[in-house]
Amino acid sequence: MAQPSAQHGGMDIQDQKETFHGFLTASLWMGGQIVMGLALATLAFAIGAGWWAGLFAFVAIGVAIGLLFKMSSVWWATLVVEVVLLGLGGIIVPAISGMMG
């Protein structure tokens, strides 16, 4: 039984708030990355719309997530790096495969 002198709601829950916020942020990041990757792979390979259409969808979804959820600058920097690397891959891989075949 509770002590008569105990106050209801007097516990500091800052650590729990920070943990839950971190969990939600990580879930949003991972969910966003999975959705963007699936859109890219679906358009580029499954539907056959091409790499550039998939990359456009990747960017559009990334920008929408960033704006809707007010993501930090780390999200935007990561998105830019991913787009640059995927864009270079879209240029280099067909060039190399054209030389081989």
PDB file of N, CA and C in Angstrom:
ATOM      1  N   MET A   1       0.839  -1.165   0.000  1.00  0.00           N
ATOM      2  CA  MET A   1       0.000   0.000   0.000  1.00  0.00           C
ATOM      3  C   MET A   1       0.892   1.239   0.000  1.00  0.00           C
ATOM      4  N   ALA A   2       0.418   2.291  -0.632  1.00  0.00           N
ATOM      5  CA  ALA A   2       1.219   3.504  -0.764  1.00  0.00           C
ATOM      6  C   ALA A   2       1.340   4.233   0.571  1.00  0.00           C
ATOM      7  N   GLN A   3       2.443   4.880   0.729  1.00  0.00           N
ATOM      8  CA  GLN A   3       2.673   5.665   1.933  1.00  0.00           C
ATOM      9  C   GLN A   3       1.726   6.882   1.911  1.00  0.00           C
ATOM     10  N   PRO A   4       1.191   7.278   3.026  1.00  0.00           N
ATOM     11  CA  PRO A   4       0.289   8.433   3.043  1.00  0.00           C
ATOM     12  C   PRO A   4       0.987   9.731   2.651  1.00  0.00           C
ATOM     13  N   SER A   5       2.306   9.795   2.840  1.00  0.00           N
ATOM     14  CA  SER A   5       3.011  11.035   2.527  1.00  0.00           C
ATOM     15  C   SER A   5       3.458  11.108   1.062  1.00  0.00           C
ATOM     16  N   ALA A   6       3.262  10.017   0.292  1.00  0.00           N
ATOM     17  CA  ALA A   6       3.690  10.003  -1.112  1.00  0.00           C
ATOM     18  C   ALA A   6       2.770  10.896  -1.946  1.00  0.00           C
ATOM     19  N   GLN A   7       3.374  11.665  -2.832  1.00  0.00           N
ATOM     20  CA  GLN A   7       2.600  12.536  -3.710  1.00  0.00           C
ATOM     21  C   GLN A   7       2.321  11.806  -5.017  1.00  0.00           C
ATOM     22  N   HIS A   8       1.120  11.944  -5.511  1.00  0.00           N
ATOM     23  CA  HIS A   8       0.766  11.341  -6.792  1.00  0.00           C
ATOM     24  C   HIS A   8       1.306  12.219  -7.919  1.00  0.00           C
ATOM     25  N   GLY A   9       2.029  11.603  -8.878  1.00  0.00           N
ATOM     26  CA  GLY A   9       2.560  12.338 -10.023  1.00  0.00           C
ATOM     27  C   GLY A   9       3.834  13.090  -9.745  1.00  0.00           C
ATOM     28  N   GLY A  10       4.535  12.747  -8.699  1.00  0.00           N
ATOM     29  CA  GLY A  10       5.743  13.475  -8.352  1.00  0.00           C
ATOM     30  C   GLY A  10       7.018  12.891  -8.935  1.00  0.00           C
ATOM     31  N   MET A  11       6.914  11.817  -9.723  1.00  0.00           N
ATOM     32  CA  MET A  11       8.111  11.171 -10.261  1.00  0.00           C
ATOM     33  C   MET A  11       8.642  11.919 -11.486  1.00  0.00           C
ATOM     34  N   ASP A  12       9.946  12.052 -11.564  1.00  0.00           N
ATOM     35  CA  ASP A  12      10.584  12.675 -12.721  1.00  0.00           C
ATOM     36  C   ASP A  12      10.659  11.647 -13.851  1.00  0.00           C
ATOM     37  N   ILE A  13      10.021  11.949 -14.972  1.00  0.00           N
ATOM     38  CA  ILE A  13       9.982  11.001 -16.091  1.00  0.00           C
ATOM     39  C   ILE A  13      10.784  11.495 -17.297  1.00  0.00           C
ATOM     40  N   GLN A  14      11.719  12.390 -17.073  1.00  0.00           N
ATOM     41  CA  GLN A  14      12.497  12.951 -18.179  1.00  0.00           C
ATOM     42  C   GLN A  14      13.270  11.863 -18.926  1.00  0.00           C
ATOM     43  N   ASP A  15      13.853  10.916 -18.211  1.00  0.00           N
ATOM     44  CA  ASP A  15      14.589   9.831 -18.875  1.00  0.00           C
ATOM     45  C   ASP A  15      13.664   9.002 -19.756  1.00  0.00           C
ATOM     46  N   GLN A  16      12.463   8.709 -19.296  1.00  0.00           N
ATOM     47  CA  GLN A  16      11.510   7.939 -20.080  1.00  0.00           C
ATOM     48  C   GLN A  16      11.065   8.712 -21.319  1.00  0.00           C
ATOM     49  N   LYS A  17      10.872  10.023 -21.170  1.00  0.00           N
ATOM     50  CA  LYS A  17      10.493  10.858 -22.312  1.00  0.00           C
ATOM     51  C   LYS A  17      11.588  10.838 -23.377  1.00  0.00           C
ATOM     52  N   GLU A  18      12.834  10.975 -22.954  1.00  0.00           N
ATOM     53  CA  GLU A  18      13.947  10.978 -23.900  1.00  0.00           C
ATOM     54  C   GLU A  18      14.085   9.636 -24.601  1.00  0.00           C
ATOM     55  N   THR A  19      13.891   8.545 -23.869  1.00  0.00           N
ATOM     56  CA  THR A  19      13.962   7.214 -24.458  1.00  0.00           C
ATOM     57  C   THR A  19      12.863   7.024 -25.489  1.00  0.00           C
ATOM     58  N   PHE A  20      11.640   7.419 -25.165  1.00  0.00           N
ATOM     59  CA  PHE A  20      10.523   7.273 -26.083  1.00  0.00           C
ATOM     60  C   PHE A  20      10.716   8.152 -27.309  1.00  0.00           C
ATOM     61  N   HIS A  21      11.220   9.364 -27.114  1.00  0.00           N
ATOM     62  CA  HIS A  21      11.494  10.255 -28.250  1.00  0.00           C
ATOM     63  C   HIS A  21      12.548   9.639 -29.164  1.00  0.00           C
ATOM     64  N   GLY A  22      13.593   9.061 -28.597  1.00  0.00           N
ATOM     65  CA  GLY A  22      14.619   8.397 -29.392  1.00  0.00           C
ATOM     66  C   GLY A  22      14.071   7.214 -30.161  1.00  0.00           C
ATOM     67  N   PHE A  23      13.188   6.443 -29.515  1.00  0.00           N
ATOM     68  CA  PHE A  23      12.558   5.306 -30.188  1.00  0.00           C
ATOM     69  C   PHE A  23      11.704   5.772 -31.362  1.00  0.00           C
ATOM     70  N   LEU A  24      10.911   6.814 -31.158  1.00  0.00           N
ATOM     71  CA  LEU A  24      10.071   7.324 -32.240  1.00  0.00           C
ATOM     72  C   LEU A  24      10.911   7.889 -33.383  1.00  0.00           C
ATOM     73  N   THR A  25      11.972   8.592 -33.065  1.00  0.00           N
ATOM     74  CA  THR A  25      12.842   9.147 -34.093  1.00  0.00           C
ATOM     75  C   THR A  25      13.512   8.038 -34.898  1.00  0.00           C
ATOM     76  N   ALA A  26      14.030   7.033 -34.221  1.00  0.00           N
ATOM     77  CA  ALA A  26      14.669   5.914 -34.921  1.00  0.00           C
ATOM     78  C   ALA A  26      13.663   5.153 -35.775  1.00  0.00           C
ATOM     79  N   SER A  27      12.452   4.988 -35.278  1.00  0.00           N
ATOM     80  CA  SER A  27      11.409   4.311 -36.054  1.00  0.00           C
ATOM     81  C   SER A  27      11.056   5.099 -37.305  1.00  0.00           C
ATOM     82  N   LEU A  28      10.956   6.410 -37.175  1.00  0.00           N
ATOM     83  CA  LEU A  28      10.658   7.261 -38.321  1.00  0.00           C
ATOM     84  C   LEU A  28      11.785   7.214 -39.350  1.00  0.00           C
ATOM     85  N   TRP A  29      13.012   7.279 -38.893  1.00  0.00           N
ATOM     86  CA  TRP A  29      14.166   7.205 -39.803  1.00  0.00           C
ATOM     87  C   TRP A  29      14.191   5.878 -40.554  1.00  0.00           C
ATOM     88  N   MET A  30      14.087   4.791 -39.826  1.00  0.00           N
ATOM     89  CA  MET A  30      14.169   3.471 -40.462  1.00  0.00           C
ATOM     90  C   MET A  30      12.973   3.220 -41.367  1.00  0.00           C
ATOM     91  N   GLY A  31      11.789   3.599 -40.917  1.00  0.00           N
ATOM     92  CA  GLY A  31      10.599   3.442 -41.752  1.00  0.00           C
ATOM     93  C   GLY A  31      10.701   4.266 -43.025  1.00  0.00           C
ATOM     94  N   GLY A  32      11.188   5.483 -42.895  1.00  0.00           N
ATOM     95  CA  GLY A  32      11.372   6.343 -44.071  1.00  0.00           C
ATOM     96  C   GLY A  32      12.384   5.774 -45.045  1.00  0.00           C
ATOM     97  N   GLN A  33      13.501   5.281 -44.533  1.00  0.00           N
ATOM     98  CA  GLN A  33      14.524   4.696 -45.397  1.00  0.00           C
ATOM     99  C   GLN A  33      13.995   3.450 -46.112  1.00  0.00           C
ATOM    100  N   ILE A  34      13.220   2.642 -45.403  1.00  0.00           N
ATOM    101  CA  ILE A  34      12.663   1.430 -46.025  1.00  0.00           C
ATOM    102  C   ILE A  34      11.673   1.799 -47.124  1.00  0.00           C
ATOM    103  N   VAL A  35      10.790   2.747 -46.860  1.00  0.00           N
ATOM    104  CA  VAL A  35       9.805   3.163 -47.863  1.00  0.00           C
ATOM    105  C   VAL A  35      10.503   3.767 -49.077  1.00  0.00           C
ATOM    106  N   MET A  36      11.504   4.601 -48.861  1.00  0.00           N
ATOM    107  CA  MET A  36      12.221   5.219 -49.979  1.00  0.00           C
ATOM    108  C   MET A  36      12.948   4.159 -50.806  1.00  0.00           C
ATOM    109  N   GLY A  37      13.596   3.224 -50.135  1.00  0.00           N
ATOM    110  CA  GLY A  37      14.305   2.162 -50.847  1.00  0.00           C
ATOM    111  C   GLY A  37      13.362   1.257 -51.623  1.00  0.00           C
ATOM    112  N   LEU A  38      12.217   0.931 -51.029  1.00  0.00           N
ATOM    113  CA  LEU A  38      11.233   0.108 -51.729  1.00  0.00           C
ATOM    114  C   LEU A  38      10.674   0.829 -52.953  1.00  0.00           C
ATOM    115  N   ALA A  39      10.423   2.113 -52.841  1.00  0.00           N
ATOM    116  CA  ALA A  39       9.924   2.879 -53.987  1.00  0.00           C
ATOM    117  C   ALA A  39      10.954   2.888 -55.110  1.00  0.00           C
ATOM    118  N   LEU A  40      12.211   3.099 -54.753  1.00  0.00           N
ATOM    119  CA  LEU A  40      13.280   3.095 -55.755  1.00  0.00           C
ATOM    120  C   LEU A  40      13.391   1.739 -56.429  1.00  0.00           C
ATOM    121  N   ALA A  41      13.437   0.679 -55.651  1.00  0.00           N
ATOM    122  CA  ALA A  41      13.582  -0.665 -56.210  1.00  0.00           C
ATOM    123  C   ALA A  41      12.362  -1.075 -57.029  1.00  0.00           C
ATOM    124  N   THR A  42      11.171  -0.703 -56.566  1.00  0.00           N
ATOM    125  CA  THR A  42       9.957  -1.067 -57.295  1.00  0.00           C
ATOM    126  C   THR A  42       9.907  -0.372 -58.651  1.00  0.00           C
ATOM    127  N   LEU A  43      10.162   0.909 -58.669  1.00  0.00           N
ATOM    128  CA  LEU A  43      10.109   1.626 -59.943  1.00  0.00           C
ATOM    129  C   LEU A  43      11.246   1.230 -60.876  1.00  0.00           C
ATOM    130  N   ALA A  44      12.429   1.044 -60.331  1.00  0.00           N
ATOM    131  CA  ALA A  44      13.594   0.765 -61.182  1.00  0.00           C
ATOM    132  C   ALA A  44      13.611  -0.669 -61.695  1.00  0.00           C
ATOM    133  N   PHE A  45      13.206  -1.627 -60.865  1.00  0.00           N
ATOM    134  CA  PHE A  45      13.378  -3.026 -61.253  1.00  0.00           C
ATOM    135  C   PHE A  45      12.050  -3.750 -61.487  1.00  0.00           C
ATOM    136  N   ALA A  46      11.109  -3.643 -60.582  1.00  0.00           N
ATOM    137  CA  ALA A  46       9.872  -4.428 -60.697  1.00  0.00           C
ATOM    138  C   ALA A  46       8.962  -3.902 -61.809  1.00  0.00           C
ATOM    139  N   ILE A  47       8.766  -2.597 -61.852  1.00  0.00           N
ATOM    140  CA  ILE A  47       7.882  -2.020 -62.859  1.00  0.00           C
ATOM    141  C   ILE A  47       8.647  -1.755 -64.155  1.00  0.00           C
ATOM    142  N   GLY A  48       9.926  -1.494 -64.042  1.00  0.00           N
ATOM    143  CA  GLY A  48      10.734  -1.201 -65.221  1.00  0.00           C
ATOM    144  C   GLY A  48      10.634   0.239 -65.682  1.00  0.00           C
ATOM    145  N   ALA A  49      10.269   1.145 -64.793  1.00  0.00           N
ATOM    146  CA  ALA A  49      10.149   2.559 -65.149  1.00  0.00           C
ATOM    147  C   ALA A  49      11.512   3.227 -65.292  1.00  0.00           C
ATOM    148  N   GLY A  50      12.553   2.592 -64.798  1.00  0.00           N
ATOM    149  CA  GLY A  50      13.894   3.147 -64.919  1.00  0.00           C
ATOM    150  C   GLY A  50      14.436   3.668 -63.606  1.00  0.00           C
ATOM    151  N   TRP A  51      15.746   3.758 -63.581  1.00  0.00           N
ATOM    152  CA  TRP A  51      16.446   4.197 -62.380  1.00  0.00           C
ATOM    153  C   TRP A  51      16.098   5.623 -62.012  1.00  0.00           C
ATOM    154  N   TRP A  52      15.996   6.485 -63.000  1.00  0.00           N
ATOM    155  CA  TRP A  52      15.791   7.906 -62.718  1.00  0.00           C
ATOM    156  C   TRP A  52      14.393   8.174 -62.186  1.00  0.00           C
ATOM    157  N   ALA A  53      13.397   7.432 -62.653  1.00  0.00           N
ATOM    158  CA  ALA A  53      12.052   7.559 -62.084  1.00  0.00           C
ATOM    159  C   ALA A  53      12.049   7.091 -60.627  1.00  0.00           C
ATOM    160  N   GLY A  54      12.760   6.007 -60.353  1.00  0.00           N
ATOM    161  CA  GLY A  54      12.873   5.517 -58.983  1.00  0.00           C
ATOM    162  C   GLY A  54      13.598   6.497 -58.084  1.00  0.00           C
ATOM    163  N   LEU A  55      14.656   7.102 -58.626  1.00  0.00           N
ATOM    164  CA  LEU A  55      15.401   8.086 -57.844  1.00  0.00           C
ATOM    165  C   LEU A  55      14.548   9.324 -57.576  1.00  0.00           C
ATOM    166  N   PHE A  56      13.734   9.713 -58.560  1.00  0.00           N
ATOM    167  CA  PHE A  56      12.826  10.841 -58.346  1.00  0.00           C
ATOM    168  C   PHE A  56      11.834  10.531 -57.236  1.00  0.00           C
ATOM    169  N   ALA A  57      11.277   9.327 -57.231  1.00  0.00           N
ATOM    170  CA  ALA A  57      10.351   8.927 -56.158  1.00  0.00           C
ATOM    171  C   ALA A  57      11.066   8.898 -54.815  1.00  0.00           C
ATOM    172  N   PHE A  58      12.309   8.416 -54.797  1.00  0.00           N
ATOM    173  CA  PHE A  58      13.129   8.380 -53.589  1.00  0.00           C
ATOM    174  C   PHE A  58      13.261   9.790 -53.006  1.00  0.00           C
ATOM    175  N   VAL A  59      13.587  10.741 -53.864  1.00  0.00           N
ATOM    176  CA  VAL A  59      13.765  12.130 -53.419  1.00  0.00           C
ATOM    177  C   VAL A  59      12.432  12.719 -52.963  1.00  0.00           C
ATOM    178  N   ALA A  60      11.372  12.488 -53.730  1.00  0.00           N
ATOM    179  CA  ALA A  60      10.064  13.059 -53.387  1.00  0.00           C
ATOM    180  C   ALA A  60       9.582  12.547 -52.029  1.00  0.00           C
ATOM    181  N   ILE A  61       9.731  11.258 -51.787  1.00  0.00           N
ATOM    182  CA  ILE A  61       9.305  10.694 -50.505  1.00  0.00           C
ATOM    183  C   ILE A  61      10.185  11.230 -49.377  1.00  0.00           C
ATOM    184  N   GLY A  62      11.493  11.317 -49.610  1.00  0.00           N
ATOM    185  CA  GLY A  62      12.406  11.843 -48.593  1.00  0.00           C
ATOM    186  C   GLY A  62      12.105  13.286 -48.224  1.00  0.00           C
ATOM    187  N   VAL A  63      11.813  14.107 -49.233  1.00  0.00           N
ATOM    188  CA  VAL A  63      11.480  15.510 -48.975  1.00  0.00           C
ATOM    189  C   VAL A  63      10.143  15.605 -48.240  1.00  0.00           C
ATOM    190  N   ALA A  64       9.169  14.791 -48.649  1.00  0.00           N
ATOM    191  CA  ALA A  64       7.861  14.813 -47.977  1.00  0.00           C
ATOM    192  C   ALA A  64       7.994  14.419 -46.509  1.00  0.00           C
ATOM    193  N   ILE A  65       8.762  13.374 -46.232  1.00  0.00           N
ATOM    194  CA  ILE A  65       8.962  12.958 -44.839  1.00  0.00           C
ATOM    195  C   ILE A  65       9.670  14.065 -44.055  1.00  0.00           C
ATOM    196  N   GLY A  66      10.692  14.653 -44.670  1.00  0.00           N
ATOM    197  CA  GLY A  66      11.431  15.712 -43.997  1.00  0.00           C
ATOM    198  C   GLY A  66      10.571  16.916 -43.659  1.00  0.00           C
ATOM    199  N   LEU A  67       9.693  17.292 -44.577  1.00  0.00           N
ATOM    200  CA  LEU A  67       8.841  18.450 -44.338  1.00  0.00           C
ATOM    201  C   LEU A  67       7.685  18.127 -43.392  1.00  0.00           C
ATOM    202  N   LEU A  68       7.044  16.988 -43.589  1.00  0.00           N
ATOM    203  CA  LEU A  68       5.887  16.640 -42.756  1.00  0.00           C
ATOM    204  C   LEU A  68       6.247  16.427 -41.288  1.00  0.00           C
ATOM    205  N   PHE A  69       7.391  15.815 -41.060  1.00  0.00           N
ATOM    206  CA  PHE A  69       7.783  15.501 -39.685  1.00  0.00           C
ATOM    207  C   PHE A  69       8.824  16.473 -39.128  1.00  0.00           C
ATOM    208  N   LYS A  70       9.113  17.537 -39.878  1.00  0.00           N
ATOM    209  CA  LYS A  70      10.059  18.573 -39.438  1.00  0.00           C
ATOM    210  C   LYS A  70      11.369  17.945 -38.965  1.00  0.00           C
ATOM    211  N   MET A  71      11.965  17.152 -39.863  1.00  0.00           N
ATOM    212  CA  MET A  71      13.188  16.431 -39.536  1.00  0.00           C
ATOM    213  C   MET A  71      14.357  17.404 -39.379  1.00  0.00           C
ATOM    214  N   SER A  72      15.372  16.951 -38.667  1.00  0.00           N
ATOM    215  CA  SER A  72      16.545  17.779 -38.389  1.00  0.00           C
ATOM    216  C   SER A  72      17.419  17.897 -39.634  1.00  0.00           C
ATOM    217  N   SER A  73      18.437  18.712 -39.520  1.00  0.00           N
ATOM    218  CA  SER A  73      19.357  18.904 -40.642  1.00  0.00           C
ATOM    219  C   SER A  73      20.134  17.635 -40.966  1.00  0.00           C
ATOM    220  N   VAL A  74      20.241  16.732 -40.028  1.00  0.00           N
ATOM    221  CA  VAL A  74      20.918  15.456 -40.284  1.00  0.00           C
ATOM    222  C   VAL A  74      20.139  14.651 -41.324  1.00  0.00           C
ATOM    223  N   TRP A  75      18.811  14.678 -41.253  1.00  0.00           N
ATOM    224  CA  TRP A  75      17.978  13.997 -42.246  1.00  0.00           C
ATOM    225  C   TRP A  75      18.265  14.556 -43.640  1.00  0.00           C
ATOM    226  N   TRP A  76      18.307  15.883 -43.744  1.00  0.00           N
ATOM    227  CA  TRP A  76      18.515  16.517 -45.040  1.00  0.00           C
ATOM    228  C   TRP A  76      19.912  16.220 -45.574  1.00  0.00           C
ATOM    229  N   ALA A  77      20.908  16.238 -44.708  1.00  0.00           N
ATOM    230  CA  ALA A  77      22.265  15.917 -45.147  1.00  0.00           C
ATOM    231  C   ALA A  77      22.350  14.466 -45.607  1.00  0.00           C
ATOM    232  N   THR A  78      21.716  13.565 -44.881  1.00  0.00           N
ATOM    233  CA  THR A  78      21.705  12.159 -45.270  1.00  0.00           C
ATOM    234  C   THR A  78      21.000  11.974 -46.603  1.00  0.00           C
ATOM    235  N   LEU A  79      19.893  12.660 -46.798  1.00  0.00           N
ATOM    236  CA  LEU A  79      19.151  12.566 -48.048  1.00  0.00           C
ATOM    237  C   LEU A  79      20.000  13.051 -49.223  1.00  0.00           C
ATOM    238  N   VAL A  80      20.703  14.151 -49.046  1.00  0.00           N
ATOM    239  CA  VAL A  80      21.557  14.676 -50.120  1.00  0.00           C
ATOM    240  C   VAL A  80      22.664  13.686 -50.453  1.00  0.00           C
ATOM    241  N   VAL A  81      23.319  13.122 -49.456  1.00  0.00           N
ATOM    242  CA  VAL A  81      24.397  12.161 -49.690  1.00  0.00           C
ATOM    243  C   VAL A  81      23.861  10.924 -50.408  1.00  0.00           C
ATOM    244  N   GLU A  82      22.707  10.430 -49.973  1.00  0.00           N
ATOM    245  CA  GLU A  82      22.124   9.254 -50.624  1.00  0.00           C
ATOM    246  C   GLU A  82      21.777   9.538 -52.079  1.00  0.00           C
ATOM    247  N   VAL A  83      21.202  10.696 -52.351  1.00  0.00           N
ATOM    248  CA  VAL A  83      20.826  11.044 -53.718  1.00  0.00           C
ATOM    249  C   VAL A  83      22.059  11.183 -54.598  1.00  0.00           C
ATOM    250  N   VAL A  84      23.105  11.804 -54.088  1.00  0.00           N
ATOM    251  CA  VAL A  84      24.339  11.943 -54.867  1.00  0.00           C
ATOM    252  C   VAL A  84      24.942  10.578 -55.173  1.00  0.00           C
ATOM    253  N   LEU A  85      25.026   9.712 -54.169  1.00  0.00           N
ATOM    254  CA  LEU A  85      25.594   8.377 -54.388  1.00  0.00           C
ATOM    255  C   LEU A  85      24.735   7.543 -55.331  1.00  0.00           C
ATOM    256  N   LEU A  86      23.421   7.584 -55.161  1.00  0.00           N
ATOM    257  CA  LEU A  86      22.544   6.833 -56.055  1.00  0.00           C
ATOM    258  C   LEU A  86      22.556   7.411 -57.463  1.00  0.00           C
ATOM    259  N   GLY A  87      22.676   8.727 -57.581  1.00  0.00           N
ATOM    260  CA  GLY A  87      22.785   9.358 -58.902  1.00  0.00           C
ATOM    261  C   GLY A  87      24.074   8.965 -59.606  1.00  0.00           C
ATOM    262  N   LEU A  88      25.180   8.965 -58.859  1.00  0.00           N
ATOM    263  CA  LEU A  88      26.453   8.525 -59.449  1.00  0.00           C
ATOM    264  C   LEU A  88      26.383   7.060 -59.855  1.00  0.00           C
ATOM    265  N   GLY A  89      25.739   6.255 -59.026  1.00  0.00           N
ATOM    266  CA  GLY A  89      25.552   4.845 -59.372  1.00  0.00           C
ATOM    267  C   GLY A  89      24.722   4.682 -60.631  1.00  0.00           C
ATOM    268  N   GLY A  90      23.724   5.535 -60.804  1.00  0.00           N
ATOM    269  CA  GLY A  90      22.893   5.501 -62.002  1.00  0.00           C
ATOM    270  C   GLY A  90      23.639   5.913 -63.254  1.00  0.00           C
ATOM    271  N   ILE A  91      24.736   6.629 -63.096  1.00  0.00           N
ATOM    272  CA  ILE A  91      25.560   7.026 -64.245  1.00  0.00           C
ATOM    273  C   ILE A  91      26.674   6.015 -64.491  1.00  0.00           C
ATOM    274  N   ILE A  92      27.344   5.602 -63.417  1.00  0.00           N
ATOM    275  CA  ILE A  92      28.531   4.748 -63.551  1.00  0.00           C
ATOM    276  C   ILE A  92      28.181   3.309 -63.926  1.00  0.00           C
ATOM    277  N   VAL A  93      27.186   2.723 -63.298  1.00  0.00           N
ATOM    278  CA  VAL A  93      26.862   1.309 -63.541  1.00  0.00           C
ATOM    279  C   VAL A  93      26.454   1.062 -64.999  1.00  0.00           C
ATOM    280  N   PRO A  94      25.574   1.882 -65.596  1.00  0.00           N
ATOM    281  CA  PRO A  94      25.272   1.634 -67.013  1.00  0.00           C
ATOM    282  C   PRO A  94      26.478   1.841 -67.921  1.00  0.00           C
ATOM    283  N   ALA A  95      27.353   2.777 -67.574  1.00  0.00           N
ATOM    284  CA  ALA A  95      28.552   2.991 -68.386  1.00  0.00           C
ATOM    285  C   ALA A  95      29.476   1.778 -68.338  1.00  0.00           C
ATOM    286  N   ILE A  96      29.652   1.220 -67.154  1.00  0.00           N
ATOM    287  CA  ILE A  96      30.506   0.057 -67.006  1.00  0.00           C
ATOM    288  C   ILE A  96      29.878  -1.161 -67.684  1.00  0.00           C
ATOM    289  N   SER A  97      28.569  -1.343 -67.500  1.00  0.00           N
ATOM    290  CA  SER A  97      27.910  -2.491 -68.130  1.00  0.00           C
ATOM    291  C   SER A  97      27.902  -2.368 -69.647  1.00  0.00           C
ATOM    292  N   GLY A  98      27.882  -1.137 -70.160  1.00  0.00           N
ATOM    293  CA  GLY A  98      27.962  -0.924 -71.607  1.00  0.00           C
ATOM    294  C   GLY A  98      29.327  -1.303 -72.151  1.00  0.00           C
ATOM    295  N   MET A  99      30.382  -1.100 -71.362  1.00  0.00           N
ATOM    296  CA  MET A  99      31.737  -1.474 -71.783  1.00  0.00           C
ATOM    297  C   MET A  99      31.921  -2.983 -71.766  1.00  0.00           C
ATOM    298  N   MET A 100      31.253  -3.641 -70.814  1.00  0.00           N
ATOM    299  CA  MET A 100      31.408  -5.088 -70.683  1.00  0.00           C
ATOM    300  C   MET A 100      30.605  -5.842 -71.738  1.00  0.00           C
ATOM    301  N   GLY A 101      29.435  -5.317 -72.094  1.00  0.00           N
ATOM    302  CA  GLY A 101      28.552  -6.054 -72.992  1.00  0.00           C
ATOM    303  C   GLY A 101      28.664  -5.583 -74.354  1.00  0.00           C
TER     304      GLY A 101
END
